[in-house]
Amino acid sequence: LFRSLSITLGATSLQLQRLELISLAASTSRALARGENGEFVETLKNQFGSGFDVTSEVSEDLICAKASKTATLGSLPGFNFDLVETECSRKSGL
């Protein structure tokens, strides 16, 4: 019973962290598309807490931000997951 509960709560926690990654990646791509500087993006990243990594990639009309974090499944040791989300915005900032 305890293991089932731990897995369920851990999976819920992973989904919440995934939502944070989506928000961070989307906010970062929009900020970069508006022309915000790296300091602003770093401040934005710090608002989400520690453990997040953000990289960006520029293509023809898009600026994409990839946010990632290594997460664990609750209190179960050895269950580490690399969560990654990518969001893109048009370069014009729209």
Protein backbone atom coordinates (compact mmCIF):
# COMPACT_ATOMS: atom_id res chain seq x y z
CA LEU A 1 0.00 0.00 0.00
CA PHE A 2 2.77 2.42 0.92
CA ARG A 3 4.61 1.76 -2.35
CA SER A 4 1.42 2.33 -4.39
CA LEU A 5 0.76 5.58 -2.58
CA SER A 6 4.37 6.70 -3.06
CA ILE A 7 4.24 5.98 -6.78
CA THR A 8 0.92 7.81 -7.17
CA LEU A 9 2.12 10.88 -5.28
CA GLY A 10 5.43 10.78 -7.13
CA ALA A 11 3.68 10.66 -10.50
CA THR A 12 1.54 13.64 -9.50
CA SER A 13 4.67 15.51 -8.47
CA LEU A 14 6.29 14.73 -11.84
CA GLN A 15 3.27 16.17 -13.66
CA LEU A 16 3.42 19.35 -11.58
CA GLN A 17 7.12 19.72 -12.36
CA ARG A 18 6.35 19.15 -16.03
CA LEU A 19 3.81 22.01 -15.92
CA GLU A 20 6.49 24.23 -14.41
CA LEU A 21 8.83 23.29 -17.25
CA ILE A 22 6.20 24.16 -19.84
CA SER A 23 5.63 27.54 -18.21
CA LEU A 24 9.36 28.26 -17.94
CA ALA A 25 10.06 27.27 -21.55
CA ALA A 26 7.11 29.30 -22.89
CA SER A 27 7.97 32.39 -20.82
CA THR A 28 11.61 32.18 -21.86
CA SER A 29 10.87 31.79 -25.57
CA ARG A 30 8.48 34.76 -25.48
CA ALA A 31 11.02 36.90 -23.59
CA LEU A 32 13.76 36.07 -26.09
CA ALA A 33 11.41 36.77 -29.00
CA ARG A 34 10.71 40.23 -27.51
CA GLY A 35 14.45 40.86 -27.42
CA GLU A 36 14.95 40.60 -23.66
CA ASN A 37 18.56 40.16 -22.55
CA GLY A 38 20.15 37.17 -20.86
CA GLU A 39 19.94 38.81 -17.44
CA PHE A 40 16.15 39.01 -17.72
CA VAL A 41 15.98 35.37 -18.76
CA GLU A 42 18.19 34.38 -15.81
CA THR A 43 15.89 36.28 -13.44
CA LEU A 44 12.92 34.50 -14.97
CA LYS A 45 14.62 31.13 -14.49
CA ASN A 46 15.40 31.93 -10.85
CA GLN A 47 11.71 32.62 -10.19
CA PHE A 48 11.04 28.94 -10.83
CA GLY A 49 13.55 27.77 -8.24
CA SER A 50 16.69 25.69 -8.48
CA GLY A 51 17.45 22.66 -10.60
CA PHE A 52 16.11 23.99 -13.90
CA ASP A 53 18.28 24.28 -17.00
CA VAL A 54 17.25 26.42 -19.97
CA THR A 55 18.77 26.51 -23.44
CA SER A 56 17.60 28.33 -26.54
CA GLU A 57 17.76 27.69 -30.25
CA VAL A 58 17.04 30.06 -33.12
CA SER A 59 15.63 28.91 -36.43
CA GLU A 60 14.28 30.89 -39.38
CA ASP A 61 11.22 32.46 -37.78
CA LEU A 62 11.23 30.88 -34.33
CA ILE A 63 13.08 31.14 -31.06
CA CYS A 64 12.73 27.95 -29.04
CA ALA A 65 13.52 27.48 -25.38
CA LYS A 66 14.15 24.05 -23.92
CA ALA A 67 13.68 23.70 -20.16
CA SER A 68 14.88 20.58 -18.40
CA LYS A 69 15.15 19.18 -14.91
CA THR A 70 16.07 15.88 -13.33
CA ALA A 71 13.23 14.76 -11.08
CA THR A 72 12.77 11.86 -8.70
CA LEU A 73 9.71 9.74 -8.18
CA GLY A 74 8.70 10.73 -4.67
CA SER A 75 10.74 9.16 -1.91
CA LEU A 76 11.64 6.08 -3.95
CA PRO A 77 15.41 5.91 -4.51
CA GLY A 78 16.72 5.18 -7.97
CA PHE A 79 13.70 6.50 -9.85
CA ASN A 80 15.18 9.54 -11.60
CA PHE A 81 13.60 11.06 -14.68
CA ASP A 82 14.91 13.69 -17.06
CA LEU A 83 11.99 15.98 -17.78
CA VAL A 84 12.32 18.16 -20.89
CA GLU A 85 9.87 20.59 -22.47
CA THR A 86 10.38 22.80 -25.52
CA GLU A 87 8.28 25.83 -26.44
CA CYS A 88 8.75 28.17 -29.40
CA SER A 89 7.74 31.74 -30.19
CA ARG A 90 7.90 33.77 -33.37
CA LYS A 91 10.95 36.02 -33.57
CA SER A 92 8.79 39.10 -33.94
CA GLY A 93 7.56 38.60 -30.39
CA LEU A 94 3.96 37.99 -31.39
